[in-house]
PDB file of N, CA and C in Angstrom:
ATOM      1  N   MET A   1       3.184 -17.760  30.331  1.00  0.00           N
ATOM      2  CA  MET A   1       3.373 -18.874  29.418  1.00  0.00           C
ATOM      3  C   MET A   1       3.168 -18.403  27.979  1.00  0.00           C
ATOM      4  N   ILE A   2       4.059 -18.769  27.115  1.00  0.00           N
ATOM      5  CA  ILE A   2       3.983 -18.362  25.715  1.00  0.00           C
ATOM      6  C   ILE A   2       3.096 -19.327  24.943  1.00  0.00           C
ATOM      7  N   LYS A   3       2.199 -18.749  24.190  1.00  0.00           N
ATOM      8  CA  LYS A   3       1.292 -19.539  23.356  1.00  0.00           C
ATOM      9  C   LYS A   3       2.067 -20.035  22.138  1.00  0.00           C
ATOM     10  N   ASN A   4       2.102 -21.349  21.941  1.00  0.00           N
ATOM     11  CA  ASN A   4       2.891 -21.923  20.859  1.00  0.00           C
ATOM     12  C   ASN A   4       2.113 -22.168  19.580  1.00  0.00           C
ATOM     13  N   SER A   5       0.798 -22.288  19.673  1.00  0.00           N
ATOM     14  CA  SER A   5       0.039 -22.608  18.467  1.00  0.00           C
ATOM     15  C   SER A   5      -0.049 -21.390  17.552  1.00  0.00           C
ATOM     16  N   LYS A   6       0.165 -21.649  16.296  1.00  0.00           N
ATOM     17  CA  LYS A   6       0.169 -20.569  15.309  1.00  0.00           C
ATOM     18  C   LYS A   6      -1.261 -20.072  15.072  1.00  0.00           C
ATOM     19  N   PRO A   7      -1.495 -18.772  15.292  1.00  0.00           N
ATOM     20  CA  PRO A   7      -2.827 -18.237  14.996  1.00  0.00           C
ATOM     21  C   PRO A   7      -3.028 -18.143  13.485  1.00  0.00           C
ATOM     22  N   MET A   8      -4.270 -18.197  13.073  1.00  0.00           N
ATOM     23  CA  MET A   8      -4.562 -18.059  11.646  1.00  0.00           C
ATOM     24  C   MET A   8      -4.317 -16.625  11.205  1.00  0.00           C
ATOM     25  N   HIS A   9      -3.752 -16.488  10.028  1.00  0.00           N
ATOM     26  CA  HIS A   9      -3.639 -15.162   9.434  1.00  0.00           C
ATOM     27  C   HIS A   9      -5.068 -14.683   9.160  1.00  0.00           C
ATOM     28  N   PRO A  10      -5.366 -13.411   9.411  1.00  0.00           N
ATOM     29  CA  PRO A  10      -6.732 -12.935   9.176  1.00  0.00           C
ATOM     30  C   PRO A  10      -7.199 -13.097   7.736  1.00  0.00           C
ATOM     31  N   GLY A  11      -6.277 -13.181   6.806  1.00  0.00           N
ATOM     32  CA  GLY A  11      -6.653 -13.413   5.414  1.00  0.00           C
ATOM     33  C   GLY A  11      -7.294 -14.770   5.202  1.00  0.00           C
ATOM     34  N   VAL A  12      -6.870 -15.754   5.984  1.00  0.00           N
ATOM     35  CA  VAL A  12      -7.473 -17.088   5.909  1.00  0.00           C
ATOM     36  C   VAL A  12      -8.917 -17.016   6.386  1.00  0.00           C
ATOM     37  N   VAL A  13      -9.141 -16.305   7.477  1.00  0.00           N
ATOM     38  CA  VAL A  13     -10.498 -16.133   8.005  1.00  0.00           C
ATOM     39  C   VAL A  13     -11.351 -15.378   6.994  1.00  0.00           C
ATOM     40  N   LEU A  14     -10.788 -14.347   6.408  1.00  0.00           N
ATOM     41  CA  LEU A  14     -11.512 -13.575   5.399  1.00  0.00           C
ATOM     42  C   LEU A  14     -11.956 -14.480   4.258  1.00  0.00           C
ATOM     43  N   SER A  15     -11.043 -15.289   3.765  1.00  0.00           N
ATOM     44  CA  SER A  15     -11.338 -16.160   2.630  1.00  0.00           C
ATOM     45  C   SER A  15     -12.250 -17.323   2.986  1.00  0.00           C
ATOM     46  N   GLU A  16     -11.851 -18.075   4.005  1.00  0.00           N
ATOM     47  CA  GLU A  16     -12.545 -19.329   4.303  1.00  0.00           C
ATOM     48  C   GLU A  16     -13.866 -19.153   5.035  1.00  0.00           C
ATOM     49  N   VAL A  17     -14.033 -18.039   5.732  1.00  0.00           N
ATOM     50  CA  VAL A  17     -15.287 -17.816   6.451  1.00  0.00           C
ATOM     51  C   VAL A  17     -16.153 -16.807   5.710  1.00  0.00           C
ATOM     52  N   TYR A  18     -15.674 -15.588   5.599  1.00  0.00           N
ATOM     53  CA  TYR A  18     -16.531 -14.512   5.095  1.00  0.00           C
ATOM     54  C   TYR A  18     -16.770 -14.569   3.591  1.00  0.00           C
ATOM     55  N   MET A  19     -15.710 -14.697   2.810  1.00  0.00           N
ATOM     56  CA  MET A  19     -15.895 -14.746   1.360  1.00  0.00           C
ATOM     57  C   MET A  19     -16.686 -15.983   0.964  1.00  0.00           C
ATOM     58  N   SER A  20     -16.353 -17.102   1.576  1.00  0.00           N
ATOM     59  CA  SER A  20     -17.046 -18.351   1.278  1.00  0.00           C
ATOM     60  C   SER A  20     -18.529 -18.248   1.628  1.00  0.00           C
ATOM     61  N   GLU A  21     -18.813 -17.742   2.822  1.00  0.00           N
ATOM     62  CA  GLU A  21     -20.195 -17.609   3.288  1.00  0.00           C
ATOM     63  C   GLU A  21     -21.020 -16.673   2.403  1.00  0.00           C
ATOM     64  N   MET A  22     -20.371 -15.613   1.911  1.00  0.00           N
ATOM     65  CA  MET A  22     -21.076 -14.637   1.083  1.00  0.00           C
ATOM     66  C   MET A  22     -21.049 -14.998  -0.402  1.00  0.00           C
ATOM     67  N   GLY A  23     -20.337 -16.066  -0.749  1.00  0.00           N
ATOM     68  CA  GLY A  23     -20.238 -16.478  -2.142  1.00  0.00           C
ATOM     69  C   GLY A  23     -19.470 -15.492  -3.004  1.00  0.00           C
ATOM     70  N   LEU A  24     -18.448 -14.866  -2.412  1.00  0.00           N
ATOM     71  CA  LEU A  24     -17.658 -13.861  -3.129  1.00  0.00           C
ATOM     72  C   LEU A  24     -16.295 -14.410  -3.511  1.00  0.00           C
ATOM     73  N   ASN A  25     -15.857 -14.078  -4.718  1.00  0.00           N
ATOM     74  CA  ASN A  25     -14.477 -14.374  -5.078  1.00  0.00           C
ATOM     75  C   ASN A  25     -13.646 -13.122  -4.798  1.00  0.00           C
ATOM     76  N   GLN A  26     -12.351 -13.199  -5.031  1.00  0.00           N
ATOM     77  CA  GLN A  26     -11.466 -12.075  -4.722  1.00  0.00           C
ATOM     78  C   GLN A  26     -11.825 -10.822  -5.511  1.00  0.00           C
ATOM     79  N   THR A  27     -12.146 -10.986  -6.770  1.00  0.00           N
ATOM     80  CA  THR A  27     -12.489  -9.838  -7.615  1.00  0.00           C
ATOM     81  C   THR A  27     -13.758  -9.154  -7.126  1.00  0.00           C
ATOM     82  N   GLN A  28     -14.745  -9.946  -6.756  1.00  0.00           N
ATOM     83  CA  GLN A  28     -16.006  -9.378  -6.271  1.00  0.00           C
ATOM     84  C   GLN A  28     -15.813  -8.642  -4.946  1.00  0.00           C
ATOM     85  N   LEU A  29     -15.020  -9.223  -4.045  1.00  0.00           N
ATOM     86  CA  LEU A  29     -14.768  -8.552  -2.772  1.00  0.00           C
ATOM     87  C   LEU A  29     -13.987  -7.266  -2.994  1.00  0.00           C
ATOM     88  N   ALA A  30     -13.005  -7.307  -3.880  1.00  0.00           N
ATOM     89  CA  ALA A  30     -12.228  -6.103  -4.187  1.00  0.00           C
ATOM     90  C   ALA A  30     -13.141  -4.992  -4.694  1.00  0.00           C
ATOM     91  N   ALA A  31     -14.101  -5.334  -5.529  1.00  0.00           N
ATOM     92  CA  ALA A  31     -15.041  -4.333  -6.046  1.00  0.00           C
ATOM     93  C   ALA A  31     -15.879  -3.747  -4.916  1.00  0.00           C
ATOM     94  N   LYS A  32     -16.357  -4.588  -4.009  1.00  0.00           N
ATOM     95  CA  LYS A  32     -17.161  -4.109  -2.880  1.00  0.00           C
ATOM     96  C   LYS A  32     -16.352  -3.190  -1.968  1.00  0.00           C
ATOM     97  N   LEU A  33     -15.065  -3.510  -1.815  1.00  0.00           N
ATOM     98  CA  LEU A  33     -14.195  -2.733  -0.934  1.00  0.00           C
ATOM     99  C   LEU A  33     -13.519  -1.564  -1.652  1.00  0.00           C
ATOM    100  N   LYS A  34     -13.714  -1.489  -2.962  1.00  0.00           N
ATOM    101  CA  LYS A  34     -13.088  -0.441  -3.785  1.00  0.00           C
ATOM    102  C   LYS A  34     -11.562  -0.449  -3.621  1.00  0.00           C
ATOM    103  N   CYS A  35     -11.010  -1.655  -3.746  1.00  0.00           N
ATOM    104  CA  CYS A  35      -9.558  -1.799  -3.683  1.00  0.00           C
ATOM    105  C   CYS A  35      -9.128  -2.742  -4.804  1.00  0.00           C
ATOM    106  N   SER A  36      -7.846  -2.944  -4.933  1.00  0.00           N
ATOM    107  CA  SER A  36      -7.357  -3.790  -6.021  1.00  0.00           C
ATOM    108  C   SER A  36      -7.526  -5.276  -5.704  1.00  0.00           C
ATOM    109  N   HIS A  37      -7.670  -6.044  -6.769  1.00  0.00           N
ATOM    110  CA  HIS A  37      -7.707  -7.508  -6.642  1.00  0.00           C
ATOM    111  C   HIS A  37      -6.401  -7.990  -6.020  1.00  0.00           C
ATOM    112  N   ARG A  38      -5.305  -7.363  -6.406  1.00  0.00           N
ATOM    113  CA  ARG A  38      -3.992  -7.751  -5.885  1.00  0.00           C
ATOM    114  C   ARG A  38      -3.946  -7.639  -4.359  1.00  0.00           C
ATOM    115  N   LYS A  39      -4.524  -6.563  -3.824  1.00  0.00           N
ATOM    116  CA  LYS A  39      -4.530  -6.374  -2.370  1.00  0.00           C
ATOM    117  C   LYS A  39      -5.275  -7.517  -1.686  1.00  0.00           C
ATOM    118  N   ILE A  40      -6.446  -7.865  -2.200  1.00  0.00           N
ATOM    119  CA  ILE A  40      -7.221  -8.965  -1.624  1.00  0.00           C
ATOM    120  C   ILE A  40      -6.443 -10.269  -1.753  1.00  0.00           C
ATOM    121  N   ASN A  41      -5.856 -10.506  -2.915  1.00  0.00           N
ATOM    122  CA  ASN A  41      -5.083 -11.723  -3.144  1.00  0.00           C
ATOM    123  C   ASN A  41      -3.933 -11.843  -2.149  1.00  0.00           C
ATOM    124  N   GLU A  42      -3.206 -10.766  -1.935  1.00  0.00           N
ATOM    125  CA  GLU A  42      -2.079 -10.790  -1.003  1.00  0.00           C
ATOM    126  C   GLU A  42      -2.549 -11.031   0.428  1.00  0.00           C
ATOM    127  N   ILE A  43      -3.685 -10.451   0.797  1.00  0.00           N
ATOM    128  CA  ILE A  43      -4.216 -10.656   2.150  1.00  0.00           C
ATOM    129  C   ILE A  43      -4.649 -12.101   2.344  1.00  0.00           C
ATOM    130  N   VAL A  44      -5.447 -12.633   1.425  1.00  0.00           N
ATOM    131  CA  VAL A  44      -5.953 -14.003   1.620  1.00  0.00           C
ATOM    132  C   VAL A  44      -4.845 -15.049   1.521  1.00  0.00           C
ATOM    133  N   ASN A  45      -3.734 -14.709   0.895  1.00  0.00           N
ATOM    134  CA  ASN A  45      -2.597 -15.624   0.812  1.00  0.00           C
ATOM    135  C   ASN A  45      -1.554 -15.371   1.899  1.00  0.00           C
ATOM    136  N   GLY A  46      -1.880 -14.501   2.854  1.00  0.00           N
ATOM    137  CA  GLY A  46      -0.999 -14.255   3.990  1.00  0.00           C
ATOM    138  C   GLY A  46       0.252 -13.475   3.677  1.00  0.00           C
ATOM    139  N   LYS A  47       0.280 -12.797   2.533  1.00  0.00           N
ATOM    140  CA  LYS A  47       1.456 -12.027   2.137  1.00  0.00           C
ATOM    141  C   LYS A  47       1.342 -10.556   2.531  1.00  0.00           C
ATOM    142  N   ARG A  48       0.171 -10.161   3.000  1.00  0.00           N
ATOM    143  CA  ARG A  48      -0.074  -8.782   3.401  1.00  0.00           C
ATOM    144  C   ARG A  48      -0.969  -8.811   4.628  1.00  0.00           C
ATOM    145  N   GLY A  49      -0.684  -7.905   5.550  1.00  0.00           N
ATOM    146  CA  GLY A  49      -1.502  -7.811   6.751  1.00  0.00           C
ATOM    147  C   GLY A  49      -2.716  -6.923   6.533  1.00  0.00           C
ATOM    148  N   ILE A  50      -3.578  -6.925   7.527  1.00  0.00           N
ATOM    149  CA  ILE A  50      -4.766  -6.078   7.502  1.00  0.00           C
ATOM    150  C   ILE A  50      -4.490  -4.869   8.385  1.00  0.00           C
ATOM    151  N   SER A  51      -4.460  -3.702   7.774  1.00  0.00           N
ATOM    152  CA  SER A  51      -4.220  -2.462   8.507  1.00  0.00           C
ATOM    153  C   SER A  51      -5.487  -2.043   9.242  1.00  0.00           C
ATOM    154  N   SER A  52      -5.336  -1.117  10.165  1.00  0.00           N
ATOM    155  CA  SER A  52      -6.499  -0.581  10.880  1.00  0.00           C
ATOM    156  C   SER A  52      -7.485   0.050   9.915  1.00  0.00           C
ATOM    157  N   GLU A  53      -6.966   0.760   8.926  1.00  0.00           N
ATOM    158  CA  GLU A  53      -7.825   1.418   7.941  1.00  0.00           C
ATOM    159  C   GLU A  53      -8.612   0.395   7.122  1.00  0.00           C
ATOM    160  N   PHE A  54      -7.940  -0.674   6.716  1.00  0.00           N
ATOM    161  CA  PHE A  54      -8.621  -1.701   5.931  1.00  0.00           C
ATOM    162  C   PHE A  54      -9.610  -2.467   6.799  1.00  0.00           C
ATOM    163  N   ALA A  55      -9.287  -2.640   8.073  1.00  0.00           N
ATOM    164  CA  ALA A  55     -10.211  -3.300   9.003  1.00  0.00           C
ATOM    165  C   ALA A  55     -11.526  -2.528   9.087  1.00  0.00           C
ATOM    166  N   ILE A  56     -11.443  -1.218   9.045  1.00  0.00           N
ATOM    167  CA  ILE A  56     -12.658  -0.389   9.070  1.00  0.00           C
ATOM    168  C   ILE A  56     -13.471  -0.612   7.803  1.00  0.00           C
ATOM    169  N   GLU A  57     -12.802  -0.743   6.669  1.00  0.00           N
ATOM    170  CA  GLU A  57     -13.518  -1.011   5.416  1.00  0.00           C
ATOM    171  C   GLU A  57     -14.191  -2.387   5.459  1.00  0.00           C
ATOM    172  N   LEU A  58     -13.496  -3.372   6.009  1.00  0.00           N
ATOM    173  CA  LEU A  58     -14.087  -4.704   6.152  1.00  0.00           C
ATOM    174  C   LEU A  58     -15.313  -4.650   7.065  1.00  0.00           C
ATOM    175  N   GLU A  59     -15.206  -3.874   8.112  1.00  0.00           N
ATOM    176  CA  GLU A  59     -16.318  -3.695   9.041  1.00  0.00           C
ATOM    177  C   GLU A  59     -17.558  -3.191   8.308  1.00  0.00           C
ATOM    178  N   LYS A  60     -17.362  -2.196   7.468  1.00  0.00           N
ATOM    179  CA  LYS A  60     -18.482  -1.602   6.722  1.00  0.00           C
ATOM    180  C   LYS A  60     -19.104  -2.590   5.739  1.00  0.00           C
ATOM    181  N   VAL A  61     -18.279  -3.319   5.029  1.00  0.00           N
ATOM    182  CA  VAL A  61     -18.762  -4.195   3.958  1.00  0.00           C
ATOM    183  C   VAL A  61     -19.261  -5.548   4.478  1.00  0.00           C
ATOM    184  N   LEU A  62     -18.582  -6.093   5.482  1.00  0.00           N
ATOM    185  CA  LEU A  62     -18.907  -7.443   5.941  1.00  0.00           C
ATOM    186  C   LEU A  62     -19.803  -7.483   7.174  1.00  0.00           C
ATOM    187  N   GLY A  63     -19.948  -6.331   7.839  1.00  0.00           N
ATOM    188  CA  GLY A  63     -20.753  -6.315   9.055  1.00  0.00           C
ATOM    189  C   GLY A  63     -20.037  -6.923  10.252  1.00  0.00           C
ATOM    190  N   THR A  64     -18.724  -6.970  10.181  1.00  0.00           N
ATOM    191  CA  THR A  64     -17.901  -7.464  11.288  1.00  0.00           C
ATOM    192  C   THR A  64     -17.481  -6.257  12.115  1.00  0.00           C
ATOM    193  N   THR A  65     -16.505  -6.432  12.990  1.00  0.00           N
ATOM    194  CA  THR A  65     -15.953  -5.279  13.692  1.00  0.00           C
ATOM    195  C   THR A  65     -14.499  -5.103  13.273  1.00  0.00           C
ATOM    196  N   ALA A  66     -14.078  -3.865  13.186  1.00  0.00           N
ATOM    197  CA  ALA A  66     -12.675  -3.582  12.877  1.00  0.00           C
ATOM    198  C   ALA A  66     -11.780  -4.151  13.973  1.00  0.00           C
ATOM    199  N   ASP A  67     -12.272  -4.098  15.214  1.00  0.00           N
ATOM    200  CA  ASP A  67     -11.496  -4.626  16.342  1.00  0.00           C
ATOM    201  C   ASP A  67     -11.115  -6.087  16.136  1.00  0.00           C
ATOM    202  N   MET A  68     -12.046  -6.871  15.629  1.00  0.00           N
ATOM    203  CA  MET A  68     -11.788  -8.295  15.410  1.00  0.00           C
ATOM    204  C   MET A  68     -10.612  -8.484  14.451  1.00  0.00           C
ATOM    205  N   TRP A  69     -10.626  -7.756  13.334  1.00  0.00           N
ATOM    206  CA  TRP A  69      -9.565  -7.896  12.330  1.00  0.00           C
ATOM    207  C   TRP A  69      -8.223  -7.420  12.872  1.00  0.00           C
ATOM    208  N   VAL A  70      -8.238  -6.304  13.597  1.00  0.00           N
ATOM    209  CA  VAL A  70      -6.997  -5.759  14.151  1.00  0.00           C
ATOM    210  C   VAL A  70      -6.412  -6.715  15.195  1.00  0.00           C
ATOM    211  N   ARG A  71      -7.268  -7.295  16.028  1.00  0.00           N
ATOM    212  CA  ARG A  71      -6.794  -8.257  17.034  1.00  0.00           C
ATOM    213  C   ARG A  71      -6.206  -9.502  16.376  1.00  0.00           C
ATOM    214  N   MET A  72      -6.895 -10.016  15.355  1.00  0.00           N
ATOM    215  CA  MET A  72      -6.362 -11.196  14.658  1.00  0.00           C
ATOM    216  C   MET A  72      -5.000 -10.896  14.048  1.00  0.00           C
ATOM    217  N   GLN A  73      -4.855  -9.713  13.438  1.00  0.00           N
ATOM    218  CA  GLN A  73      -3.582  -9.349  12.825  1.00  0.00           C
ATOM    219  C   GLN A  73      -2.503  -9.200  13.882  1.00  0.00           C
ATOM    220  N   ALA A  74      -2.839  -8.571  15.007  1.00  0.00           N
ATOM    221  CA  ALA A  74      -1.865  -8.391  16.089  1.00  0.00           C
ATOM    222  C   ALA A  74      -1.425  -9.737  16.660  1.00  0.00           C
ATOM    223  N   ASP A  75      -2.368 -10.650  16.863  1.00  0.00           N
ATOM    224  CA  ASP A  75      -2.023 -11.987  17.369  1.00  0.00           C
ATOM    225  C   ASP A  75      -1.081 -12.705  16.403  1.00  0.00           C
ATOM    226  N   TYR A  76      -1.384 -12.603  15.112  1.00  0.00           N
ATOM    227  CA  TYR A  76      -0.550 -13.252  14.099  1.00  0.00           C
ATOM    228  C   TYR A  76       0.845 -12.617  14.070  1.00  0.00           C
ATOM    229  N   ASP A  77       0.900 -11.291  14.063  1.00  0.00           N
ATOM    230  CA  ASP A  77       2.184 -10.585  14.016  1.00  0.00           C
ATOM    231  C   ASP A  77       3.043 -10.903  15.237  1.00  0.00           C
ATOM    232  N   LEU A  78       2.415 -10.979  16.413  1.00  0.00           N
ATOM    233  CA  LEU A  78       3.155 -11.296  17.630  1.00  0.00           C
ATOM    234  C   LEU A  78       3.707 -12.717  17.567  1.00  0.00           C
ATOM    235  N   TRP A  79       2.930 -13.649  17.048  1.00  0.00           N
ATOM    236  CA  TRP A  79       3.398 -15.025  16.907  1.00  0.00           C
ATOM    237  C   TRP A  79       4.616 -15.076  15.976  1.00  0.00           C
ATOM    238  N   VAL A  80       4.537 -14.370  14.856  1.00  0.00           N
ATOM    239  CA  VAL A  80       5.656 -14.337  13.904  1.00  0.00           C
ATOM    240  C   VAL A  80       6.896 -13.749  14.571  1.00  0.00           C
ATOM    241  N   ALA A  81       6.733 -12.660  15.315  1.00  0.00           N
ATOM    242  CA  ALA A  81       7.865 -12.023  15.994  1.00  0.00           C
ATOM    243  C   ALA A  81       8.494 -12.963  17.017  1.00  0.00           C
ATOM    244  N   ARG A  82       7.658 -13.701  17.740  1.00  0.00           N
ATOM    245  CA  ARG A  82       8.190 -14.653  18.720  1.00  0.00           C
ATOM    246  C   ARG A  82       8.975 -15.771  18.040  1.00  0.00           C
ATOM    247  N   GLN A  83       8.512 -16.200  16.885  1.00  0.00           N
ATOM    248  CA  GLN A  83       9.231 -17.249  16.155  1.00  0.00           C
ATOM    249  C   GLN A  83      10.599 -16.741  15.706  1.00  0.00           C
ATOM    250  N   LYS A  84      10.649 -15.497  15.270  1.00  0.00           N
ATOM    251  CA  LYS A  84      11.923 -14.917  14.825  1.00  0.00           C
ATOM    252  C   LYS A  84      12.880 -14.713  15.990  1.00  0.00           C
ATOM    253  N   ALA A  85      12.327 -14.397  17.172  1.00  0.00           N
ATOM    254  CA  ALA A  85      13.150 -14.124  18.349  1.00  0.00           C
ATOM    255  C   ALA A  85      13.651 -15.396  19.026  1.00  0.00           C
ATOM    256  N   ALA A  86      13.027 -16.509  18.721  1.00  0.00           N
ATOM    257  CA  ALA A  86      13.386 -17.781  19.398  1.00  0.00           C
ATOM    258  C   ALA A  86      14.718 -18.321  18.921  1.00  0.00           C
TER     259      ALA A  86
END
């Protein structure tokens, strides 16, 4: 059976759960991750995915697991692909 409900983009989880909980804005998170503000902005707005490499950086900074981020991204990507194939 195909799952029809749209999974959340991991950027939404990053923004609404982790950044919010830690009281971080995009610029502050970018500084902690040593990446550009643009990269964080694109991720939280669903315009960019979370790579395995970036998931490892999130793991280090947020205390999450890289596996969690990679799974969320894979679930989202698979949902998008199914929508395109339908």
